[in-house]
Each structure stands twice: as structure tokens, then as C-alpha cells.
Amino acid sequence: MVKEIKRNEVEQKIANGEDLTVIDVREADELAEKKMPGVKHIPIGEIPNRLSEFKKEEPYYIICERGNRSGEVTEYLEERGYDATNITDGMVGWEDE
């Protein structure tokens, strides 16, 4: 089972000054609609080819629209020895806040 966290918990960590690496795995057209500030964008289909950008000693928080794709990426990264946590509620409701 993958590690999970809610988006508001991630936002609180950032507000408290924690330096987090959040990876948005949505497609470019989704990113154009809404984006969390300071997030790195790597579309889900590019993750396998961009593993060299990840460090095994660094924790990553993975986000998508609703938490499904980010869950898949989190599992993929964990299976390869990376420290990844799925942001389960994703970007849903972001613009409402």
C-alpha cells in the first residue's frame, strides 16, 4: 500500500516552511486550467523516461486531478526504491479555495 496524504496537509507543510518536492503528473492541457504554485510538472507518460531526475534519498509528493494517476505513479516510484507519497484528493476543488 502506498503512502498517502491530503492536499491541505501538503499545503500546511509548505506554509510551515517545509521544502517539499511536489510532482504534478497531469497532462499539459490540465495544467493550463489550474496549477499549484511551486510544483514540478512531469506528465504521467514521461515518468519512466525521466527517473534520472529523481533522487532516492529525497521524498516526493505526487499529485494529479483526483488522486488516481498520482497513486499509480507513487506505486511505480516506490517499487523502484523512491520515497513517494500520493496526494489523494488531487487538484479537485483547488480553484474553489
PDB file of N, CA and C in Angstrom:
ATOM      1  N   MET A   1       0.840  -1.188   0.000  1.00  0.00           N
ATOM      2  CA  MET A   1       0.000   0.000   0.000  1.00  0.00           C
ATOM      3  C   MET A   1       0.886   1.253   0.000  1.00  0.00           C
ATOM      4  N   VAL A   2       0.522   2.212  -0.834  1.00  0.00           N
ATOM      5  CA  VAL A   2       1.316   3.431  -0.962  1.00  0.00           C
ATOM      6  C   VAL A   2       1.014   4.410   0.168  1.00  0.00           C
ATOM      7  N   LYS A   3       1.988   5.272   0.442  1.00  0.00           N
ATOM      8  CA  LYS A   3       1.780   6.326   1.443  1.00  0.00           C
ATOM      9  C   LYS A   3       0.841   7.368   0.852  1.00  0.00           C
ATOM     10  N   GLU A   4      -0.009   7.926   1.704  1.00  0.00           N
ATOM     11  CA  GLU A   4      -0.986   8.903   1.247  1.00  0.00           C
ATOM     12  C   GLU A   4      -1.027  10.119   2.168  1.00  0.00           C
ATOM     13  N   ILE A   5      -1.431  11.249   1.576  1.00  0.00           N
ATOM     14  CA  ILE A   5      -1.579  12.498   2.320  1.00  0.00           C
ATOM     15  C   ILE A   5      -2.651  13.318   1.605  1.00  0.00           C
ATOM     16  N   LYS A   6      -3.316  14.187   2.321  1.00  0.00           N
ATOM     17  CA  LYS A   6      -4.313  15.089   1.732  1.00  0.00           C
ATOM     18  C   LYS A   6      -3.618  16.371   1.271  1.00  0.00           C
ATOM     19  N   ARG A   7      -4.186  17.008   0.251  1.00  0.00           N
ATOM     20  CA  ARG A   7      -3.587  18.224  -0.289  1.00  0.00           C
ATOM     21  C   ARG A   7      -3.467  19.318   0.769  1.00  0.00           C
ATOM     22  N   ASN A   8      -4.476  19.472   1.619  1.00  0.00           N
ATOM     23  CA  ASN A   8      -4.405  20.531   2.636  1.00  0.00           C
ATOM     24  C   ASN A   8      -3.255  20.278   3.618  1.00  0.00           C
ATOM     25  N   GLU A   9      -2.900  19.012   3.849  1.00  0.00           N
ATOM     26  CA  GLU A   9      -1.766  18.704   4.719  1.00  0.00           C
ATOM     27  C   GLU A   9      -0.448  19.123   4.049  1.00  0.00           C
ATOM     28  N   VAL A  10      -0.372  18.905   2.737  1.00  0.00           N
ATOM     29  CA  VAL A  10       0.817  19.331   1.983  1.00  0.00           C
ATOM     30  C   VAL A  10       0.913  20.852   2.004  1.00  0.00           C
ATOM     31  N   GLU A  11      -0.218  21.527   1.778  1.00  0.00           N
ATOM     32  CA  GLU A  11      -0.236  22.983   1.790  1.00  0.00           C
ATOM     33  C   GLU A  11       0.199  23.517   3.153  1.00  0.00           C
ATOM     34  N   GLN A  12      -0.208  22.843   4.231  1.00  0.00           N
ATOM     35  CA  GLN A  12       0.169  23.267   5.578  1.00  0.00           C
ATOM     36  C   GLN A  12       1.674  23.100   5.798  1.00  0.00           C
ATOM     37  N   LYS A  13       2.225  21.990   5.313  1.00  0.00           N
ATOM     38  CA  LYS A  13       3.669  21.765   5.427  1.00  0.00           C
ATOM     39  C   LYS A  13       4.438  22.884   4.718  1.00  0.00           C
ATOM     40  N   ILE A  14       3.968  23.247   3.525  1.00  0.00           N
ATOM     41  CA  ILE A  14       4.616  24.320   2.765  1.00  0.00           C
ATOM     42  C   ILE A  14       4.480  25.638   3.510  1.00  0.00           C
ATOM     43  N   ALA A  15       3.285  25.912   4.036  1.00  0.00           N
ATOM     44  CA  ALA A  15       3.048  27.147   4.804  1.00  0.00           C
ATOM     45  C   ALA A  15       3.939  27.219   6.040  1.00  0.00           C
ATOM     46  N   ASN A  16       4.279  26.049   6.599  1.00  0.00           N
ATOM     47  CA  ASN A  16       5.143  25.985   7.778  1.00  0.00           C
ATOM     48  C   ASN A  16       6.630  26.073   7.420  1.00  0.00           C
ATOM     49  N   GLY A  17       6.911  26.268   6.131  1.00  0.00           N
ATOM     50  CA  GLY A  17       8.292  26.448   5.709  1.00  0.00           C
ATOM     51  C   GLY A  17       9.010  25.192   5.274  1.00  0.00           C
ATOM     52  N   GLU A  18       8.311  24.058   5.233  1.00  0.00           N
ATOM     53  CA  GLU A  18       8.968  22.829   4.778  1.00  0.00           C
ATOM     54  C   GLU A  18       9.216  22.920   3.275  1.00  0.00           C
ATOM     55  N   ASP A  19      10.376  22.460   2.854  1.00  0.00           N
ATOM     56  CA  ASP A  19      10.752  22.467   1.444  1.00  0.00           C
ATOM     57  C   ASP A  19      10.369  21.121   0.846  1.00  0.00           C
ATOM     58  N   LEU A  20       9.231  21.068   0.174  1.00  0.00           N
ATOM     59  CA  LEU A  20       8.727  19.816  -0.387  1.00  0.00           C
ATOM     60  C   LEU A  20       8.871  19.803  -1.899  1.00  0.00           C
ATOM     61  N   THR A  21       9.090  18.619  -2.441  1.00  0.00           N
ATOM     62  CA  THR A  21       9.090  18.452  -3.887  1.00  0.00           C
ATOM     63  C   THR A  21       7.776  17.796  -4.268  1.00  0.00           C
ATOM     64  N   VAL A  22       6.912  18.580  -4.930  1.00  0.00           N
ATOM     65  CA  VAL A  22       5.619  18.081  -5.390  1.00  0.00           C
ATOM     66  C   VAL A  22       5.705  17.927  -6.899  1.00  0.00           C
ATOM     67  N   ILE A  23       5.318  16.751  -7.386  1.00  0.00           N
ATOM     68  CA  ILE A  23       5.338  16.453  -8.816  1.00  0.00           C
ATOM     69  C   ILE A  23       3.900  16.316  -9.303  1.00  0.00           C
ATOM     70  N   ASP A  24       3.528  17.141 -10.278  1.00  0.00           N
ATOM     71  CA  ASP A  24       2.203  17.102 -10.890  1.00  0.00           C
ATOM     72  C   ASP A  24       2.292  16.227 -12.129  1.00  0.00           C
ATOM     73  N   VAL A  25       1.531  15.127 -12.162  1.00  0.00           N
ATOM     74  CA  VAL A  25       1.616  14.175 -13.270  1.00  0.00           C
ATOM     75  C   VAL A  25       0.483  14.329 -14.284  1.00  0.00           C
ATOM     76  N   ARG A  26      -0.265  15.433 -14.179  1.00  0.00           N
ATOM     77  CA  ARG A  26      -1.341  15.667 -15.150  1.00  0.00           C
ATOM     78  C   ARG A  26      -0.759  16.047 -16.512  1.00  0.00           C
ATOM     79  N   GLU A  27      -1.609  16.018 -17.526  1.00  0.00           N
ATOM     80  CA  GLU A  27      -1.208  16.411 -18.873  1.00  0.00           C
ATOM     81  C   GLU A  27      -1.143  17.937 -18.971  1.00  0.00           C
ATOM     82  N   ALA A  28      -0.454  18.446 -19.981  1.00  0.00           N
ATOM     83  CA  ALA A  28      -0.233  19.883 -20.139  1.00  0.00           C
ATOM     84  C   ALA A  28      -1.542  20.669 -20.216  1.00  0.00           C
ATOM     85  N   ASP A  29      -2.549  20.130 -20.902  1.00  0.00           N
ATOM     86  CA  ASP A  29      -3.812  20.861 -21.022  1.00  0.00           C
ATOM     87  C   ASP A  29      -4.511  20.997 -19.674  1.00  0.00           C
ATOM     88  N   GLU A  30      -4.367  20.002 -18.799  1.00  0.00           N
ATOM     89  CA  GLU A  30      -4.944  20.091 -17.461  1.00  0.00           C
ATOM     90  C   GLU A  30      -4.186  21.120 -16.626  1.00  0.00           C
ATOM     91  N   LEU A  31      -2.904  21.163 -16.807  1.00  0.00           N
ATOM     92  CA  LEU A  31      -2.048  22.096 -16.070  1.00  0.00           C
ATOM     93  C   LEU A  31      -2.395  23.545 -16.419  1.00  0.00           C
ATOM     94  N   ALA A  32      -2.805  23.767 -17.668  1.00  0.00           N
ATOM     95  CA  ALA A  32      -3.169  25.113 -18.105  1.00  0.00           C
ATOM     96  C   ALA A  32      -4.412  25.619 -17.370  1.00  0.00           C
ATOM     97  N   GLU A  33      -5.284  24.709 -16.931  1.00  0.00           N
ATOM     98  CA  GLU A  33      -6.519  25.088 -16.245  1.00  0.00           C
ATOM     99  C   GLU A  33      -6.276  25.553 -14.815  1.00  0.00           C
ATOM    100  N   LYS A  34      -5.441  24.829 -14.097  1.00  0.00           N
ATOM    101  CA  LYS A  34      -5.117  25.189 -12.716  1.00  0.00           C
ATOM    102  C   LYS A  34      -3.803  24.530 -12.325  1.00  0.00           C
ATOM    103  N   LYS A  35      -3.039  25.251 -11.522  1.00  0.00           N
ATOM    104  CA  LYS A  35      -1.716  24.763 -11.137  1.00  0.00           C
ATOM    105  C   LYS A  35      -1.407  25.183  -9.718  1.00  0.00           C
ATOM    106  N   MET A  36      -0.860  24.272  -8.961  1.00  0.00           N
ATOM    107  CA  MET A  36      -0.412  24.549  -7.598  1.00  0.00           C
ATOM    108  C   MET A  36       0.954  25.229  -7.700  1.00  0.00           C
ATOM    109  N   PRO A  37       1.156  26.375  -7.065  1.00  0.00           N
ATOM    110  CA  PRO A  37       2.434  27.084  -7.166  1.00  0.00           C
ATOM    111  C   PRO A  37       3.620  26.238  -6.682  1.00  0.00           C
ATOM    112  N   GLY A  38       4.736  26.355  -7.389  1.00  0.00           N
ATOM    113  CA  GLY A  38       5.967  25.696  -6.979  1.00  0.00           C
ATOM    114  C   GLY A  38       6.051  24.209  -7.280  1.00  0.00           C
ATOM    115  N   VAL A  39       5.124  23.709  -8.066  1.00  0.00           N
ATOM    116  CA  VAL A  39       5.071  22.282  -8.369  1.00  0.00           C
ATOM    117  C   VAL A  39       5.815  21.984  -9.664  1.00  0.00           C
ATOM    118  N   LYS A  40       6.540  20.866  -9.686  1.00  0.00           N
ATOM    119  CA  LYS A  40       7.240  20.438 -10.898  1.00  0.00           C
ATOM    120  C   LYS A  40       6.274  19.588 -11.727  1.00  0.00           C
ATOM    121  N   HIS A  41       6.235  19.819 -13.032  1.00  0.00           N
ATOM    122  CA  HIS A  41       5.330  19.089 -13.907  1.00  0.00           C
ATOM    123  C   HIS A  41       6.084  18.017 -14.689  1.00  0.00           C
ATOM    124  N   ILE A  42       5.672  16.762 -14.499  1.00  0.00           N
ATOM    125  CA  ILE A  42       6.167  15.643 -15.309  1.00  0.00           C
ATOM    126  C   ILE A  42       4.939  14.806 -15.651  1.00  0.00           C
ATOM    127  N   PRO A  43       4.433  14.873 -16.893  1.00  0.00           N
ATOM    128  CA  PRO A  43       3.258  14.083 -17.258  1.00  0.00           C
ATOM    129  C   PRO A  43       3.472  12.590 -16.975  1.00  0.00           C
ATOM    130  N   ILE A  44       2.405  11.918 -16.581  1.00  0.00           N
ATOM    131  CA  ILE A  44       2.491  10.512 -16.170  1.00  0.00           C
ATOM    132  C   ILE A  44       3.228   9.643 -17.191  1.00  0.00           C
ATOM    133  N   GLY A  45       2.988   9.874 -18.471  1.00  0.00           N
ATOM    134  CA  GLY A  45       3.625   9.061 -19.501  1.00  0.00           C
ATOM    135  C   GLY A  45       5.124   9.268 -19.621  1.00  0.00           C
ATOM    136  N   GLU A  46       5.637  10.357 -19.067  1.00  0.00           N
ATOM    137  CA  GLU A  46       7.075  10.654 -19.143  1.00  0.00           C
ATOM    138  C   GLU A  46       7.856  10.169 -17.931  1.00  0.00           C
ATOM    139  N   ILE A  47       7.161   9.744 -16.882  1.00  0.00           N
ATOM    140  CA  ILE A  47       7.840   9.340 -15.636  1.00  0.00           C
ATOM    141  C   ILE A  47       8.923   8.281 -15.879  1.00  0.00           C
ATOM    142  N   PRO A  48       8.636   7.166 -16.575  1.00  0.00           N
ATOM    143  CA  PRO A  48       9.685   6.152 -16.750  1.00  0.00           C
ATOM    144  C   PRO A  48      10.945   6.679 -17.434  1.00  0.00           C
ATOM    145  N   ASN A  49      10.791   7.591 -18.379  1.00  0.00           N
ATOM    146  CA  ASN A  49      11.940   8.126 -19.110  1.00  0.00           C
ATOM    147  C   ASN A  49      12.654   9.244 -18.363  1.00  0.00           C
ATOM    148  N   ARG A  50      12.073   9.704 -17.254  1.00  0.00           N
ATOM    149  CA  ARG A  50      12.671  10.828 -16.518  1.00  0.00           C
ATOM    150  C   ARG A  50      13.067  10.450 -15.090  1.00  0.00           C
ATOM    151  N   LEU A  51      13.218   9.146 -14.833  1.00  0.00           N
ATOM    152  CA  LEU A  51      13.617   8.702 -13.488  1.00  0.00           C
ATOM    153  C   LEU A  51      14.954   9.278 -13.057  1.00  0.00           C
ATOM    154  N   SER A  52      15.794   9.648 -14.016  1.00  0.00           N
ATOM    155  CA  SER A  52      17.102  10.214 -13.667  1.00  0.00           C
ATOM    156  C   SER A  52      16.958  11.560 -12.942  1.00  0.00           C
ATOM    157  N   GLU A  53      15.769  12.171 -13.022  1.00  0.00           N
ATOM    158  CA  GLU A  53      15.527  13.440 -12.330  1.00  0.00           C
ATOM    159  C   GLU A  53      15.160  13.239 -10.857  1.00  0.00           C
ATOM    160  N   PHE A  54      14.927  11.995 -10.463  1.00  0.00           N
ATOM    161  CA  PHE A  54      14.545  11.681  -9.084  1.00  0.00           C
ATOM    162  C   PHE A  54      15.758  11.174  -8.311  1.00  0.00           C
ATOM    163  N   LYS A  55      15.800  11.491  -7.017  1.00  0.00           N
ATOM    164  CA  LYS A  55      16.858  11.005  -6.131  1.00  0.00           C
ATOM    165  C   LYS A  55      16.207  10.106  -5.086  1.00  0.00           C
ATOM    166  N   LYS A  56      16.793   8.967  -4.858  1.00  0.00           N
ATOM    167  CA  LYS A  56      16.190   8.008  -3.923  1.00  0.00           C
ATOM    168  C   LYS A  56      16.168   8.501  -2.483  1.00  0.00           C
ATOM    169  N   GLU A  57      17.057   9.437  -2.143  1.00  0.00           N
ATOM    170  CA  GLU A  57      17.096   9.931  -0.762  1.00  0.00           C
ATOM    171  C   GLU A  57      16.149  11.110  -0.530  1.00  0.00           C
ATOM    172  N   GLU A  58      15.469  11.573  -1.564  1.00  0.00           N
ATOM    173  CA  GLU A  58      14.572  12.731  -1.441  1.00  0.00           C
ATOM    174  C   GLU A  58      13.106  12.286  -1.482  1.00  0.00           C
ATOM    175  N   PRO A  59      12.274  12.817  -0.579  1.00  0.00           N
ATOM    176  CA  PRO A  59      10.844  12.477  -0.620  1.00  0.00           C
ATOM    177  C   PRO A  59      10.107  13.278  -1.700  1.00  0.00           C
ATOM    178  N   TYR A  60       9.144  12.630  -2.340  1.00  0.00           N
ATOM    179  CA  TYR A  60       8.343  13.260  -3.387  1.00  0.00           C
ATOM    180  C   TYR A  60       6.869  13.120  -3.049  1.00  0.00           C
ATOM    181  N   TYR A  61       6.126  14.170  -3.345  1.00  0.00           N
ATOM    182  CA  TYR A  61       4.681  14.177  -3.175  1.00  0.00           C
ATOM    183  C   TYR A  61       4.087  14.269  -4.576  1.00  0.00           C
ATOM    184  N   ILE A  62       3.244  13.306  -4.918  1.00  0.00           N
ATOM    185  CA  ILE A  62       2.737  13.181  -6.282  1.00  0.00           C
ATOM    186  C   ILE A  62       1.268  13.590  -6.327  1.00  0.00           C
ATOM    187  N   ILE A  63       0.929  14.477  -7.291  1.00  0.00           N
ATOM    188  CA  ILE A  63      -0.439  14.983  -7.404  1.00  0.00           C
ATOM    189  C   ILE A  63      -0.933  14.874  -8.850  1.00  0.00           C
ATOM    190  N   CYS A  64      -2.243  14.674  -8.992  1.00  0.00           N
ATOM    191  CA  CYS A  64      -2.917  14.727 -10.290  1.00  0.00           C
ATOM    192  C   CYS A  64      -4.261  15.402 -10.055  1.00  0.00           C
ATOM    193  N   GLU A  65      -5.248  15.142 -10.881  1.00  0.00           N
ATOM    194  CA  GLU A  65      -6.544  15.803 -10.717  1.00  0.00           C
ATOM    195  C   GLU A  65      -7.326  15.244  -9.533  1.00  0.00           C
ATOM    196  N   ARG A  66      -7.415  13.902  -9.450  1.00  0.00           N
ATOM    197  CA  ARG A  66      -8.252  13.279  -8.423  1.00  0.00           C
ATOM    198  C   ARG A  66      -7.535  12.254  -7.533  1.00  0.00           C
ATOM    199  N   GLY A  67      -6.273  11.992  -7.789  1.00  0.00           N
ATOM    200  CA  GLY A  67      -5.524  11.065  -6.944  1.00  0.00           C
ATOM    201  C   GLY A  67      -5.319   9.682  -7.523  1.00  0.00           C
ATOM    202  N   ASN A  68      -5.933   9.379  -8.666  1.00  0.00           N
ATOM    203  CA  ASN A  68      -5.782   8.044  -9.252  1.00  0.00           C
ATOM    204  C   ASN A  68      -4.443   7.878  -9.970  1.00  0.00           C
ATOM    205  N   ARG A  69      -4.162   8.764 -10.906  1.00  0.00           N
ATOM    206  CA  ARG A  69      -2.888   8.674 -11.640  1.00  0.00           C
ATOM    207  C   ARG A  69      -1.705   8.890 -10.707  1.00  0.00           C
ATOM    208  N   SER A  70      -1.858   9.812  -9.773  1.00  0.00           N
ATOM    209  CA  SER A  70      -0.759  10.051  -8.831  1.00  0.00           C
ATOM    210  C   SER A  70      -0.530   8.805  -7.966  1.00  0.00           C
ATOM    211  N   GLY A  71      -1.589   8.069  -7.672  1.00  0.00           N
ATOM    212  CA  GLY A  71      -1.451   6.810  -6.936  1.00  0.00           C
ATOM    213  C   GLY A  71      -0.655   5.791  -7.725  1.00  0.00           C
ATOM    214  N   GLU A  72      -0.915   5.721  -9.025  1.00  0.00           N
ATOM    215  CA  GLU A  72      -0.176   4.799  -9.895  1.00  0.00           C
ATOM    216  C   GLU A  72       1.303   5.183  -9.946  1.00  0.00           C
ATOM    217  N   VAL A  73       1.576   6.479 -10.083  1.00  0.00           N
ATOM    218  CA  VAL A  73       2.966   6.947 -10.139  1.00  0.00           C
ATOM    219  C   VAL A  73       3.661   6.714  -8.799  1.00  0.00           C
ATOM    220  N   THR A  74       2.953   6.976  -7.703  1.00  0.00           N
ATOM    221  CA  THR A  74       3.520   6.738  -6.373  1.00  0.00           C
ATOM    222  C   THR A  74       3.923   5.275  -6.225  1.00  0.00           C
ATOM    223  N   GLU A  75       3.033   4.380  -6.618  1.00  0.00           N
ATOM    224  CA  GLU A  75       3.332   2.944  -6.537  1.00  0.00           C
ATOM    225  C   GLU A  75       4.526   2.592  -7.426  1.00  0.00           C
ATOM    226  N   TYR A  76       4.555   3.126  -8.638  1.00  0.00           N
ATOM    227  CA  TYR A  76       5.649   2.885  -9.574  1.00  0.00           C
ATOM    228  C   TYR A  76       6.989   3.320  -8.971  1.00  0.00           C
ATOM    229  N   LEU A  77       7.007   4.520  -8.392  1.00  0.00           N
ATOM    230  CA  LEU A  77       8.244   5.039  -7.790  1.00  0.00           C
ATOM    231  C   LEU A  77       8.658   4.217  -6.571  1.00  0.00           C
ATOM    232  N   GLU A  78       7.699   3.893  -5.710  1.00  0.00           N
ATOM    233  CA  GLU A  78       8.014   3.108  -4.510  1.00  0.00           C
ATOM    234  C   GLU A  78       8.588   1.744  -4.877  1.00  0.00           C
ATOM    235  N   GLU A  79       8.042   1.108  -5.918  1.00  0.00           N
ATOM    236  CA  GLU A  79       8.540  -0.198  -6.356  1.00  0.00           C
ATOM    237  C   GLU A  79       9.993  -0.121  -6.813  1.00  0.00           C
ATOM    238  N   ARG A  80      10.435   1.064  -7.187  1.00  0.00           N
ATOM    239  CA  ARG A  80      11.804   1.268  -7.656  1.00  0.00           C
ATOM    240  C   ARG A  80      12.697   1.875  -6.592  1.00  0.00           C
ATOM    241  N   GLY A  81      12.201   1.950  -5.358  1.00  0.00           N
ATOM    242  CA  GLY A  81      13.022   2.386  -4.236  1.00  0.00           C
ATOM    243  C   GLY A  81      12.982   3.867  -3.925  1.00  0.00           C
ATOM    244  N   TYR A  82      12.044   4.606  -4.524  1.00  0.00           N
ATOM    245  CA  TYR A  82      11.934   6.044  -4.250  1.00  0.00           C
ATOM    246  C   TYR A  82      10.943   6.290  -3.117  1.00  0.00           C
ATOM    247  N   ASP A  83      11.131   7.389  -2.416  1.00  0.00           N
ATOM    248  CA  ASP A  83      10.262   7.794  -1.321  1.00  0.00           C
ATOM    249  C   ASP A  83       9.168   8.687  -1.896  1.00  0.00           C
ATOM    250  N   ALA A  84       7.993   8.109  -2.149  1.00  0.00           N
ATOM    251  CA  ALA A  84       6.908   8.853  -2.791  1.00  0.00           C
ATOM    252  C   ALA A  84       5.628   8.725  -1.974  1.00  0.00           C
ATOM    253  N   THR A  85       4.850   9.816  -1.969  1.00  0.00           N
ATOM    254  CA  THR A  85       3.577   9.858  -1.256  1.00  0.00           C
ATOM    255  C   THR A  85       2.515  10.408  -2.195  1.00  0.00           C
ATOM    256  N   ASN A  86       1.380   9.730  -2.259  1.00  0.00           N
ATOM    257  CA  ASN A  86       0.268  10.144  -3.106  1.00  0.00           C
ATOM    258  C   ASN A  86      -0.572  11.212  -2.403  1.00  0.00           C
ATOM    259  N   ILE A  87      -0.830  12.325  -3.096  1.00  0.00           N
ATOM    260  CA  ILE A  87      -1.759  13.341  -2.601  1.00  0.00           C
ATOM    261  C   ILE A  87      -3.135  12.899  -3.081  1.00  0.00           C
ATOM    262  N   THR A  88      -3.894  12.277  -2.181  1.00  0.00           N
ATOM    263  CA  THR A  88      -5.088  11.522  -2.551  1.00  0.00           C
ATOM    264  C   THR A  88      -6.233  12.335  -3.125  1.00  0.00           C
ATOM    265  N   ASP A  89      -6.415  13.567  -2.709  1.00  0.00           N
ATOM    266  CA  ASP A  89      -7.549  14.341  -3.205  1.00  0.00           C
ATOM    267  C   ASP A  89      -7.178  15.229  -4.388  1.00  0.00           C
ATOM    268  N   GLY A  90      -5.933  15.224  -4.798  1.00  0.00           N
ATOM    269  CA  GLY A  90      -5.504  15.906  -6.003  1.00  0.00           C
ATOM    270  C   GLY A  90      -5.881  17.373  -6.092  1.00  0.00           C
ATOM    271  N   MET A  91      -6.073  17.822  -7.306  1.00  0.00           N
ATOM    272  CA  MET A  91      -6.358  19.224  -7.587  1.00  0.00           C
ATOM    273  C   MET A  91      -7.845  19.544  -7.523  1.00  0.00           C
ATOM    274  N   VAL A  92      -8.691  18.572  -7.295  1.00  0.00           N
ATOM    275  CA  VAL A  92     -10.139  18.807  -7.229  1.00  0.00           C
ATOM    276  C   VAL A  92     -10.429  19.872  -6.177  1.00  0.00           C
ATOM    277  N   GLY A  93     -11.149  20.899  -6.572  1.00  0.00           N
ATOM    278  CA  GLY A  93     -11.512  21.951  -5.644  1.00  0.00           C
ATOM    279  C   GLY A  93     -10.467  23.022  -5.450  1.00  0.00           C
ATOM    280  N   TRP A  94      -9.304  22.889  -6.093  1.00  0.00           N
ATOM    281  CA  TRP A  94      -8.226  23.863  -5.897  1.00  0.00           C
ATOM    282  C   TRP A  94      -8.688  25.280  -6.177  1.00  0.00           C
ATOM    283  N   GLU A  95      -9.409  25.485  -7.303  1.00  0.00           N
ATOM    284  CA  GLU A  95      -9.814  26.843  -7.677  1.00  0.00           C
ATOM    285  C   GLU A  95     -10.872  27.412  -6.740  1.00  0.00           C
ATOM    286  N   ASP A  96     -11.528  26.534  -5.979  1.00  0.00           N
ATOM    287  CA  ASP A  96     -12.572  26.975  -5.058  1.00  0.00           C
ATOM    288  C   ASP A  96     -12.007  27.529  -3.761  1.00  0.00           C
ATOM    289  N   GLU A  97     -10.721  27.328  -3.543  1.00  0.00           N
ATOM    290  CA  GLU A  97     -10.133  27.730  -2.262  1.00  0.00           C
ATOM    291  C   GLU A  97      -9.637  29.152  -2.288  1.00  0.00           C
TER     292      GLU A  97
END
